[in-house]
Protein backbone atom coordinates (compact mmCIF):
# COMPACT_ATOMS: atom_id res chain seq x y z
CA UNK A 1 66.99 117.75 72.60
CA UNK A 2 70.67 117.16 73.39
CA UNK A 3 72.12 119.11 76.28
CA UNK A 4 75.66 119.57 77.53
CA UNK A 5 75.55 118.12 81.04
CA UNK A 6 78.75 119.68 82.43
CA UNK A 7 78.60 123.44 82.88
CA UNK A 8 81.43 123.99 85.34
CA UNK A 9 83.84 121.68 87.18
CA UNK A 10 85.50 122.31 90.54
CA UNK A 11 88.16 119.90 91.75
CA UNK A 12 88.87 120.10 95.50
CA UNK A 13 92.54 120.20 96.49
CA UNK A 14 94.64 120.22 99.65
CA UNK A 15 97.86 121.60 98.15
CA UNK A 16 97.08 124.20 95.49
CA UNK A 17 100.61 124.43 94.09
CA UNK A 18 100.94 120.65 93.78
CA UNK A 19 97.51 120.33 92.14
CA UNK A 20 98.28 123.17 89.73
CA UNK A 21 101.56 121.48 88.66
CA UNK A 22 99.74 118.16 88.20
CA UNK A 23 96.92 119.48 85.98
CA UNK A 24 99.20 121.77 83.97
CA UNK A 25 101.53 118.82 83.29
CA UNK A 26 98.75 116.40 82.34
CA UNK A 27 96.74 118.75 80.11
CA UNK A 28 99.66 120.88 78.88
CA UNK A 29 97.93 124.20 79.50
CA UNK A 30 98.46 127.08 81.89
CA UNK A 31 95.94 127.46 84.67
CA UNK A 32 94.78 131.07 84.81
CA UNK A 33 94.15 132.96 88.04
CA UNK A 34 90.74 134.61 88.17
CA UNK A 35 89.42 136.63 91.11
CA UNK A 36 85.86 135.86 92.24
CA UNK A 37 84.42 137.74 95.22
CA UNK A 38 87.90 138.54 96.46
CA UNK A 39 89.05 134.92 96.23
CA UNK A 40 91.58 133.48 93.78
CA UNK A 41 90.23 130.79 91.44
CA UNK A 42 92.89 128.85 89.51
CA UNK A 43 90.83 128.14 86.38
CA UNK A 44 90.97 125.66 83.51
CA UNK A 45 90.68 127.22 80.06
CA UNK A 46 87.75 126.13 77.94
CA UNK A 47 88.23 124.53 74.53
CA UNK A 48 87.42 127.74 72.69
CA UNK A 49 90.30 129.57 74.36
CA UNK A 50 87.99 132.21 75.82
CA UNK A 51 86.66 131.89 79.31
CA UNK A 52 86.96 128.99 81.70
CA UNK A 53 85.50 125.52 82.22
CA UNK A 54 86.34 124.85 85.86
CA UNK A 55 88.71 125.51 88.75
CA UNK A 56 90.81 124.05 91.51
CA UNK A 57 89.19 124.93 94.83
CA UNK A 58 89.73 124.85 98.58
CA UNK A 59 86.46 125.01 100.51
CA UNK A 60 85.70 124.17 104.14
CA UNK A 61 82.70 122.05 103.11
CA UNK A 62 84.39 119.69 100.62
CA UNK A 63 87.67 117.81 100.51
CA UNK A 64 89.45 115.69 97.92
CA UNK A 65 88.56 112.04 97.84
CA UNK A 66 87.37 109.06 95.89
CA UNK A 67 83.84 108.70 97.29
CA UNK A 68 82.00 111.22 95.12
CA UNK A 69 80.83 111.31 91.50
CA UNK A 70 83.22 110.04 88.84
CA UNK A 71 83.88 112.79 86.30
CA UNK A 72 85.21 111.81 82.86
CA UNK A 73 87.66 114.28 81.36
CA UNK A 74 88.40 114.60 77.65
CA UNK A 75 91.37 112.46 76.61
CA UNK A 76 92.25 114.79 73.73
CA UNK A 77 95.69 113.14 73.32
CA UNK A 78 94.28 109.59 73.54
CA UNK A 79 93.55 107.69 76.74
CA UNK A 80 96.87 105.83 76.81
CA UNK A 81 98.91 109.01 76.36
CA UNK A 82 96.89 110.87 79.00
CA UNK A 83 97.51 108.02 81.47
CA UNK A 84 101.26 108.32 80.78
CA UNK A 85 101.01 112.02 81.60
CA UNK A 86 99.15 111.26 84.85
CA UNK A 87 101.90 108.88 85.95
CA UNK A 88 104.65 111.33 85.00
CA UNK A 89 102.90 114.13 86.93
CA UNK A 90 102.64 112.02 90.11
CA UNK A 91 99.15 110.53 89.83
CA UNK A 92 98.24 106.84 89.92
CA UNK A 93 96.24 104.61 87.60
CA UNK A 94 93.27 102.92 89.23
CA UNK A 95 91.84 101.27 86.09
CA UNK A 96 94.07 100.82 83.04
CA UNK A 97 92.86 102.01 79.64
CA UNK A 98 90.24 99.73 78.14
CA UNK A 99 87.63 99.85 75.42
CA UNK A 100 84.22 100.88 76.74
CA UNK A 101 82.23 99.24 73.94
CA UNK A 102 82.58 99.23 70.16
CA UNK A 103 82.06 102.79 68.93
CA UNK A 104 82.26 104.40 72.39
CA UNK A 105 86.03 104.77 72.65
CA UNK A 106 88.27 104.02 75.60
CA UNK A 107 88.37 104.91 79.27
CA UNK A 108 90.80 104.89 82.19
CA UNK A 109 90.40 105.87 85.82
CA UNK A 110 93.11 107.68 87.76
CA UNK A 111 93.77 109.33 91.10
CA UNK A 112 95.26 112.82 91.05
CA UNK A 113 97.88 114.08 93.49
CA UNK A 114 95.13 115.28 95.84
CA UNK A 115 93.34 111.92 96.16
CA UNK A 116 90.50 112.71 93.74
CA UNK A 117 89.27 109.87 91.54
CA UNK A 118 88.73 110.99 87.94
CA UNK A 119 88.55 109.34 84.54
CA UNK A 120 89.44 109.89 80.91
CA UNK A 121 87.34 109.03 77.90
CA UNK A 122 88.41 109.25 74.28
CA UNK A 123 90.29 107.42 71.55
CA UNK A 124 92.86 104.79 72.44
């Protein structure tokens, strides 16, 4: 049985406005504000256009950084183009786009404006 391993994604940030500008520029969508238990959650839209797939968060128990799990985001515009968007939005490239293996597409690793290490996977 195949399962979808990612249910929800929360990316820790220090500067909410800066992080919002970065992710909106890279993914070319508008982050929606949703209220949860009296707190504002800036949320990523899901691919179906209804509901959300994750949020930018500020918690006392977690901070941005590069020492946690490496999450691969969908490079819907192609890995090389997404890396260009990261650079334009103020992020840095840690690992340039490269082929994973024949038939598995390409990947690149980047650091967002908050210091989080993330990756893209998709077509070249």
